[in-house]
N, C-alpha and C. Protein backbone atom coordinates (compact mmCIF):
# COMPACT_ATOMS: atom_id res chain seq x y z
N MET A 1 6.34 17.39 27.73
CA MET A 1 5.32 17.23 26.72
C MET A 1 4.03 17.89 27.19
N THR A 2 3.36 18.52 26.27
CA THR A 2 2.09 19.14 26.60
C THR A 2 0.97 18.44 25.86
N GLN A 3 -0.19 18.48 26.47
CA GLN A 3 -1.36 17.82 25.88
C GLN A 3 -2.21 18.89 25.19
N THR A 4 -2.41 18.77 23.88
CA THR A 4 -3.27 19.71 23.15
C THR A 4 -4.35 18.90 22.47
N GLY A 5 -5.56 18.95 23.01
CA GLY A 5 -6.64 18.14 22.44
C GLY A 5 -6.33 16.67 22.65
N THR A 6 -6.31 15.93 21.56
CA THR A 6 -6.00 14.51 21.65
C THR A 6 -4.60 14.21 21.14
N GLN A 7 -3.85 15.25 20.81
CA GLN A 7 -2.50 15.04 20.29
C GLN A 7 -1.47 15.32 21.36
N THR A 8 -0.48 14.46 21.43
CA THR A 8 0.63 14.68 22.34
C THR A 8 1.72 15.39 21.55
N ARG A 9 2.15 16.52 22.06
CA ARG A 9 3.12 17.33 21.35
C ARG A 9 4.40 17.43 22.19
N SER A 10 5.53 17.19 21.55
CA SER A 10 6.80 17.35 22.24
C SER A 10 7.20 18.83 22.18
N LYS A 11 8.27 19.16 22.85
CA LYS A 11 8.74 20.54 22.84
C LYS A 11 9.13 20.99 21.44
N ALA A 12 9.55 20.06 20.60
CA ALA A 12 9.95 20.40 19.23
C ALA A 12 8.73 20.56 18.32
N GLY A 13 7.54 20.25 18.81
CA GLY A 13 6.34 20.42 18.01
C GLY A 13 5.97 19.19 17.18
N LEU A 14 6.53 18.05 17.48
CA LEU A 14 6.21 16.83 16.73
C LEU A 14 4.98 16.16 17.32
N THR A 15 4.15 15.60 16.45
CA THR A 15 3.00 14.83 16.92
C THR A 15 3.06 13.43 16.34
N SER A 16 2.64 12.46 17.13
CA SER A 16 2.66 11.07 16.66
C SER A 16 1.66 10.87 15.53
N ARG A 17 0.54 11.58 15.56
CA ARG A 17 -0.45 11.45 14.49
C ARG A 17 0.10 11.95 13.17
N ALA A 18 0.73 13.11 13.19
CA ALA A 18 1.30 13.65 11.96
C ALA A 18 2.39 12.73 11.42
N LEU A 19 3.22 12.20 12.32
CA LEU A 19 4.26 11.26 11.88
C LEU A 19 3.65 10.01 11.25
N ALA A 20 2.58 9.51 11.86
CA ALA A 20 1.91 8.32 11.31
C ALA A 20 1.32 8.61 9.94
N VAL A 21 0.65 9.74 9.80
CA VAL A 21 0.04 10.10 8.52
C VAL A 21 1.10 10.26 7.44
N PHE A 22 2.16 11.00 7.75
CA PHE A 22 3.21 11.20 6.75
C PHE A 22 3.97 9.90 6.48
N GLY A 23 4.15 9.08 7.49
CA GLY A 23 4.80 7.78 7.28
C GLY A 23 4.01 6.90 6.33
N VAL A 24 2.69 6.84 6.53
CA VAL A 24 1.83 6.06 5.64
C VAL A 24 1.86 6.65 4.23
N THR A 25 1.73 7.97 4.13
CA THR A 25 1.67 8.63 2.83
C THR A 25 2.96 8.45 2.04
N PHE A 26 4.09 8.75 2.66
CA PHE A 26 5.35 8.70 1.93
C PHE A 26 5.80 7.27 1.64
N SER A 27 5.55 6.34 2.58
CA SER A 27 5.93 4.95 2.30
C SER A 27 5.02 4.37 1.22
N PHE A 28 3.74 4.77 1.20
CA PHE A 28 2.85 4.34 0.12
C PHE A 28 3.34 4.85 -1.23
N ALA A 29 3.70 6.13 -1.29
CA ALA A 29 4.21 6.71 -2.54
C ALA A 29 5.46 5.97 -3.01
N ALA A 30 6.33 5.63 -2.07
CA ALA A 30 7.57 4.93 -2.43
C ALA A 30 7.29 3.51 -2.92
N ILE A 31 6.37 2.77 -2.28
CA ILE A 31 6.08 1.42 -2.77
C ILE A 31 5.26 1.47 -4.06
N LEU A 32 4.51 2.54 -4.26
CA LEU A 32 3.82 2.71 -5.53
C LEU A 32 4.84 2.88 -6.66
N LEU A 33 5.87 3.67 -6.43
CA LEU A 33 6.92 3.86 -7.42
C LEU A 33 7.68 2.56 -7.66
N SER A 34 8.14 1.92 -6.59
CA SER A 34 8.93 0.69 -6.78
C SER A 34 8.07 -0.42 -7.38
N GLY A 35 6.82 -0.52 -6.97
CA GLY A 35 5.93 -1.53 -7.55
C GLY A 35 5.65 -1.29 -9.01
N SER A 36 5.49 -0.03 -9.39
CA SER A 36 5.25 0.31 -10.79
C SER A 36 6.47 -0.03 -11.64
N ILE A 37 7.63 0.27 -11.13
CA ILE A 37 8.86 -0.07 -11.87
C ILE A 37 8.99 -1.58 -11.99
N LEU A 38 8.72 -2.31 -10.92
CA LEU A 38 8.81 -3.77 -10.97
C LEU A 38 7.75 -4.37 -11.89
N PHE A 39 6.58 -3.74 -11.96
CA PHE A 39 5.51 -4.24 -12.83
C PHE A 39 5.97 -4.25 -14.29
N PHE A 40 6.70 -3.22 -14.70
CA PHE A 40 7.13 -3.10 -16.08
C PHE A 40 8.55 -3.62 -16.33
N SER A 41 9.21 -4.11 -15.31
CA SER A 41 10.58 -4.61 -15.48
C SER A 41 10.57 -5.97 -16.16
N PRO A 42 11.69 -6.34 -16.80
CA PRO A 42 11.75 -7.66 -17.43
C PRO A 42 11.86 -8.76 -16.38
N LYS A 43 11.60 -9.99 -16.82
CA LYS A 43 11.77 -11.14 -15.92
C LYS A 43 13.23 -11.21 -15.48
N GLY A 44 13.46 -11.94 -14.40
CA GLY A 44 14.80 -12.02 -13.82
C GLY A 44 15.88 -12.43 -14.79
N LYS A 45 15.62 -13.46 -15.57
CA LYS A 45 16.62 -13.96 -16.52
C LYS A 45 16.96 -12.89 -17.56
N ILE A 46 15.92 -12.26 -18.09
CA ILE A 46 16.13 -11.23 -19.10
C ILE A 46 16.80 -10.01 -18.50
N SER A 47 16.39 -9.62 -17.30
CA SER A 47 16.99 -8.43 -16.69
C SER A 47 18.48 -8.65 -16.44
N ASN A 48 18.87 -9.88 -16.13
CA ASN A 48 20.29 -10.18 -15.96
C ASN A 48 21.03 -10.15 -17.29
N GLN A 49 20.40 -10.68 -18.35
CA GLN A 49 21.04 -10.72 -19.66
C GLN A 49 21.27 -9.33 -20.24
N VAL A 50 20.29 -8.46 -20.08
CA VAL A 50 20.40 -7.11 -20.68
C VAL A 50 20.94 -6.09 -19.68
N ASP A 51 21.28 -6.54 -18.48
CA ASP A 51 21.79 -5.66 -17.42
C ASP A 51 20.83 -4.48 -17.22
N TRP A 52 19.55 -4.82 -17.02
CA TRP A 52 18.48 -3.83 -16.92
C TRP A 52 18.63 -2.98 -15.67
N GLU A 53 18.36 -1.69 -15.82
CA GLU A 53 18.34 -0.75 -14.71
C GLU A 53 17.25 0.28 -14.93
N ALA A 54 16.74 0.80 -13.84
CA ALA A 54 15.81 1.93 -13.88
C ALA A 54 16.22 2.89 -12.77
N LEU A 55 16.41 4.12 -13.14
CA LEU A 55 16.84 5.16 -12.19
C LEU A 55 18.10 4.75 -11.43
N GLY A 56 18.97 4.03 -12.13
CA GLY A 56 20.26 3.64 -11.55
C GLY A 56 20.25 2.39 -10.69
N LEU A 57 19.09 1.74 -10.55
CA LEU A 57 18.99 0.53 -9.74
C LEU A 57 18.60 -0.66 -10.61
N GLY A 58 19.19 -1.83 -10.30
CA GLY A 58 18.85 -3.05 -11.00
C GLY A 58 17.58 -3.67 -10.44
N LYS A 59 17.15 -4.76 -11.09
CA LYS A 59 15.89 -5.39 -10.69
C LYS A 59 15.94 -5.89 -9.24
N GLN A 60 17.03 -6.53 -8.85
CA GLN A 60 17.13 -7.03 -7.47
C GLN A 60 17.12 -5.89 -6.47
N ASP A 61 17.76 -4.77 -6.83
CA ASP A 61 17.75 -3.59 -5.95
C ASP A 61 16.31 -3.08 -5.76
N TRP A 62 15.56 -3.00 -6.87
CA TRP A 62 14.17 -2.54 -6.79
C TRP A 62 13.32 -3.51 -5.99
N SER A 63 13.55 -4.79 -6.17
CA SER A 63 12.79 -5.80 -5.44
C SER A 63 13.08 -5.72 -3.94
N ASP A 64 14.35 -5.59 -3.58
CA ASP A 64 14.73 -5.46 -2.18
C ASP A 64 14.13 -4.19 -1.57
N LEU A 65 14.23 -3.10 -2.30
CA LEU A 65 13.69 -1.83 -1.85
C LEU A 65 12.18 -1.93 -1.64
N HIS A 66 11.50 -2.59 -2.57
CA HIS A 66 10.05 -2.74 -2.49
C HIS A 66 9.65 -3.50 -1.23
N ILE A 67 10.35 -4.56 -0.91
CA ILE A 67 10.05 -5.36 0.28
C ILE A 67 10.26 -4.54 1.55
N VAL A 68 11.36 -3.84 1.63
CA VAL A 68 11.65 -3.03 2.83
C VAL A 68 10.64 -1.89 2.98
N LEU A 69 10.33 -1.23 1.87
CA LEU A 69 9.35 -0.14 1.93
C LEU A 69 7.95 -0.66 2.25
N ALA A 70 7.60 -1.84 1.77
CA ALA A 70 6.30 -2.44 2.10
C ALA A 70 6.22 -2.74 3.60
N ALA A 71 7.32 -3.22 4.17
CA ALA A 71 7.34 -3.48 5.61
C ALA A 71 7.19 -2.17 6.39
N LEU A 72 7.84 -1.11 5.93
CA LEU A 72 7.70 0.21 6.56
C LEU A 72 6.26 0.70 6.44
N PHE A 73 5.65 0.52 5.27
CA PHE A 73 4.25 0.91 5.07
C PHE A 73 3.33 0.16 6.03
N ILE A 74 3.57 -1.13 6.19
CA ILE A 74 2.75 -1.93 7.11
C ILE A 74 2.90 -1.42 8.54
N ALA A 75 4.13 -1.15 8.95
CA ALA A 75 4.37 -0.65 10.30
C ALA A 75 3.69 0.71 10.52
N CYS A 76 3.84 1.61 9.56
CA CYS A 76 3.20 2.93 9.67
C CYS A 76 1.68 2.81 9.66
N SER A 77 1.15 1.89 8.84
CA SER A 77 -0.30 1.69 8.76
C SER A 77 -0.85 1.16 10.08
N LEU A 78 -0.14 0.20 10.68
CA LEU A 78 -0.58 -0.33 11.98
C LEU A 78 -0.53 0.75 13.06
N TRP A 79 0.51 1.55 13.04
CA TRP A 79 0.65 2.66 13.99
C TRP A 79 -0.50 3.65 13.78
N HIS A 80 -0.77 4.00 12.52
CA HIS A 80 -1.86 4.91 12.19
C HIS A 80 -3.20 4.34 12.65
N ALA A 81 -3.42 3.06 12.41
CA ALA A 81 -4.67 2.41 12.82
C ALA A 81 -4.81 2.41 14.34
N ALA A 82 -3.73 2.14 15.04
CA ALA A 82 -3.78 2.14 16.50
C ALA A 82 -4.11 3.53 17.04
N LEU A 83 -3.51 4.56 16.45
CA LEU A 83 -3.77 5.93 16.89
C LEU A 83 -5.21 6.36 16.60
N HIS A 84 -5.82 5.78 15.58
CA HIS A 84 -7.15 6.19 15.16
C HIS A 84 -8.19 5.10 15.39
N LEU A 85 -7.92 4.22 16.31
CA LEU A 85 -8.85 3.12 16.60
C LEU A 85 -10.21 3.66 17.06
N HIS A 86 -10.21 4.72 17.84
CA HIS A 86 -11.47 5.30 18.30
C HIS A 86 -12.29 5.83 17.12
N VAL A 87 -11.64 6.37 16.12
CA VAL A 87 -12.35 6.86 14.93
C VAL A 87 -12.95 5.68 14.17
N PHE A 88 -12.16 4.62 14.03
CA PHE A 88 -12.64 3.42 13.34
C PHE A 88 -13.87 2.85 14.06
N LYS A 89 -13.78 2.77 15.38
CA LYS A 89 -14.93 2.26 16.16
C LYS A 89 -16.15 3.14 15.97
N MET A 90 -15.94 4.44 15.99
CA MET A 90 -17.05 5.37 15.83
C MET A 90 -17.67 5.23 14.43
N LEU A 91 -16.84 5.09 13.41
CA LEU A 91 -17.37 4.92 12.05
C LEU A 91 -18.15 3.62 11.93
N PHE A 92 -17.67 2.57 12.58
CA PHE A 92 -18.33 1.27 12.46
C PHE A 92 -19.57 1.17 13.34
N PHE A 93 -19.45 1.57 14.60
CA PHE A 93 -20.54 1.38 15.55
C PHE A 93 -21.48 2.57 15.67
N GLY A 94 -21.05 3.72 15.19
CA GLY A 94 -21.91 4.90 15.24
C GLY A 94 -21.52 5.87 16.34
N SER A 95 -22.13 7.04 16.26
CA SER A 95 -21.90 8.11 17.24
C SER A 95 -23.20 8.91 17.34
N ARG A 96 -23.18 9.96 18.14
CA ARG A 96 -24.38 10.81 18.24
C ARG A 96 -24.70 11.46 16.89
N MET A 97 -23.69 11.83 16.15
CA MET A 97 -23.89 12.49 14.85
C MET A 97 -24.39 11.51 13.80
N SER A 98 -23.94 10.28 13.90
CA SER A 98 -24.33 9.25 12.93
C SER A 98 -24.60 7.96 13.69
N PRO A 99 -25.78 7.83 14.29
CA PRO A 99 -26.07 6.71 15.19
C PRO A 99 -25.95 5.33 14.54
N ARG A 100 -26.23 5.26 13.26
CA ARG A 100 -26.16 3.95 12.59
C ARG A 100 -24.75 3.61 12.13
N GLY A 101 -23.83 4.55 12.23
CA GLY A 101 -22.46 4.29 11.81
C GLY A 101 -22.37 4.14 10.30
N HIS A 102 -21.30 3.54 9.88
CA HIS A 102 -21.04 3.35 8.45
C HIS A 102 -20.71 1.88 8.18
N ARG A 103 -21.51 1.00 8.76
CA ARG A 103 -21.28 -0.43 8.58
C ARG A 103 -21.45 -0.87 7.13
N ALA A 104 -22.37 -0.24 6.42
CA ALA A 104 -22.57 -0.61 5.02
C ALA A 104 -21.31 -0.35 4.21
N GLU A 105 -20.68 0.81 4.44
CA GLU A 105 -19.44 1.14 3.73
C GLU A 105 -18.33 0.16 4.11
N ALA A 106 -18.27 -0.19 5.39
CA ALA A 106 -17.26 -1.15 5.84
C ALA A 106 -17.46 -2.50 5.17
N LEU A 107 -18.71 -2.94 5.10
CA LEU A 107 -18.99 -4.23 4.46
C LEU A 107 -18.73 -4.21 2.97
N ILE A 108 -19.02 -3.09 2.31
CA ILE A 108 -18.72 -2.96 0.88
C ILE A 108 -17.21 -3.03 0.65
N ALA A 109 -16.45 -2.31 1.46
CA ALA A 109 -14.99 -2.33 1.33
C ALA A 109 -14.43 -3.73 1.60
N LEU A 110 -14.94 -4.38 2.65
CA LEU A 110 -14.50 -5.74 2.97
C LEU A 110 -14.86 -6.70 1.84
N ALA A 111 -16.07 -6.58 1.29
CA ALA A 111 -16.48 -7.44 0.18
C ALA A 111 -15.61 -7.21 -1.05
N ALA A 112 -15.25 -5.95 -1.32
CA ALA A 112 -14.39 -5.66 -2.47
C ALA A 112 -13.02 -6.30 -2.31
N VAL A 113 -12.44 -6.18 -1.12
CA VAL A 113 -11.13 -6.79 -0.88
C VAL A 113 -11.22 -8.31 -0.97
N ALA A 114 -12.22 -8.89 -0.34
CA ALA A 114 -12.39 -10.35 -0.39
C ALA A 114 -12.66 -10.80 -1.82
N GLY A 115 -13.51 -10.06 -2.53
CA GLY A 115 -13.83 -10.43 -3.91
C GLY A 115 -12.62 -10.39 -4.82
N PHE A 116 -11.84 -9.32 -4.74
CA PHE A 116 -10.65 -9.24 -5.59
C PHE A 116 -9.60 -10.27 -5.19
N THR A 117 -9.55 -10.60 -3.91
CA THR A 117 -8.63 -11.66 -3.47
C THR A 117 -9.02 -12.98 -4.12
N VAL A 118 -10.29 -13.31 -4.07
CA VAL A 118 -10.77 -14.57 -4.67
C VAL A 118 -10.55 -14.54 -6.18
N LEU A 119 -10.89 -13.43 -6.83
CA LEU A 119 -10.70 -13.33 -8.28
C LEU A 119 -9.24 -13.49 -8.67
N ALA A 120 -8.34 -12.90 -7.89
CA ALA A 120 -6.91 -13.03 -8.19
C ALA A 120 -6.44 -14.47 -7.98
N LEU A 121 -6.86 -15.10 -6.89
CA LEU A 121 -6.43 -16.47 -6.62
C LEU A 121 -6.98 -17.46 -7.64
N LEU A 122 -8.20 -17.21 -8.11
CA LEU A 122 -8.80 -18.08 -9.12
C LEU A 122 -8.46 -17.64 -10.54
N GLN A 123 -7.70 -16.54 -10.64
CA GLN A 123 -7.29 -15.97 -11.92
C GLN A 123 -8.48 -15.72 -12.84
N LEU A 124 -9.45 -14.99 -12.29
CA LEU A 124 -10.66 -14.63 -13.02
C LEU A 124 -10.68 -13.13 -13.30
N PRO A 125 -11.39 -12.71 -14.38
CA PRO A 125 -11.51 -11.28 -14.66
C PRO A 125 -12.29 -10.57 -13.56
N PRO A 126 -12.01 -9.32 -13.35
CA PRO A 126 -11.03 -8.47 -14.00
C PRO A 126 -9.64 -8.54 -13.37
N ALA A 127 -9.50 -9.28 -12.27
CA ALA A 127 -8.19 -9.35 -11.59
C ALA A 127 -7.12 -9.93 -12.49
N ASN A 128 -7.45 -10.96 -13.24
CA ASN A 128 -6.42 -11.59 -14.07
C ASN A 128 -6.02 -10.71 -15.26
N TRP A 129 -6.83 -9.72 -15.61
CA TRP A 129 -6.43 -8.82 -16.70
C TRP A 129 -5.14 -8.10 -16.35
N LEU A 130 -5.01 -7.67 -15.12
CA LEU A 130 -3.79 -6.98 -14.68
C LEU A 130 -2.61 -7.93 -14.72
N LEU A 131 -2.83 -9.16 -14.27
CA LEU A 131 -1.75 -10.16 -14.29
C LEU A 131 -1.37 -10.51 -15.73
N GLU A 132 -2.36 -10.60 -16.61
CA GLU A 132 -2.07 -10.89 -18.01
C GLU A 132 -1.34 -9.73 -18.68
N LEU A 133 -1.72 -8.50 -18.33
CA LEU A 133 -1.02 -7.33 -18.86
C LEU A 133 0.43 -7.34 -18.43
N ASN A 134 0.67 -7.66 -17.17
CA ASN A 134 2.03 -7.74 -16.66
C ASN A 134 2.83 -8.80 -17.41
N GLU A 135 2.23 -9.97 -17.58
CA GLU A 135 2.91 -11.06 -18.29
C GLU A 135 3.14 -10.72 -19.76
N LEU A 136 2.14 -10.13 -20.40
CA LEU A 136 2.27 -9.73 -21.80
C LEU A 136 3.40 -8.73 -21.98
N PHE A 137 3.45 -7.74 -21.09
CA PHE A 137 4.51 -6.74 -21.17
C PHE A 137 5.88 -7.39 -21.02
N LYS A 138 6.01 -8.28 -20.05
CA LYS A 138 7.30 -8.93 -19.82
C LYS A 138 7.68 -9.84 -20.98
N GLN A 139 6.70 -10.51 -21.59
CA GLN A 139 6.98 -11.43 -22.69
C GLN A 139 7.23 -10.68 -24.00
N GLU A 140 6.32 -9.77 -24.34
CA GLU A 140 6.40 -9.11 -25.65
C GLU A 140 7.44 -8.00 -25.70
N PHE A 141 7.45 -7.15 -24.71
CA PHE A 141 8.35 -6.01 -24.77
C PHE A 141 9.82 -6.42 -24.56
N TRP A 142 10.06 -7.26 -23.58
CA TRP A 142 11.44 -7.61 -23.25
C TRP A 142 11.97 -8.79 -24.04
N ALA A 143 11.13 -9.51 -24.77
CA ALA A 143 11.60 -10.66 -25.54
C ALA A 143 12.27 -10.23 -26.84
N ARG A 144 12.14 -8.97 -27.20
CA ARG A 144 12.71 -8.48 -28.47
C ARG A 144 14.19 -8.46 -28.47
């Protein structure tokens, strides 16, 4: 293995950073697809009655796939975060180029995640609008 900058490169030309980035990107795209399909799928009872399928997979298949892909996304995200921990620290605590760092952006992002978590748990707008849309679609579209 040779050292080029901060990336470790094998003889085949693979880098752990590139693998982490592509792992996060592709697993995110896959869970976005499976999650979108599950969002619009009928409830379990109805999907069994109508033998519902999307792209050749049933609801349980999509649900299983979504869970496995989400676990892969989490693993790739943790790997990506570990590889870029120095960047995260620099963004938060600052550097010579940006001595004050980007703590305000970090706090805004943290507040947004915490806020939407609370809104979803308390079923308050705008978070509950998405949940109501999901329920409406499952009730109205598939109840026919």
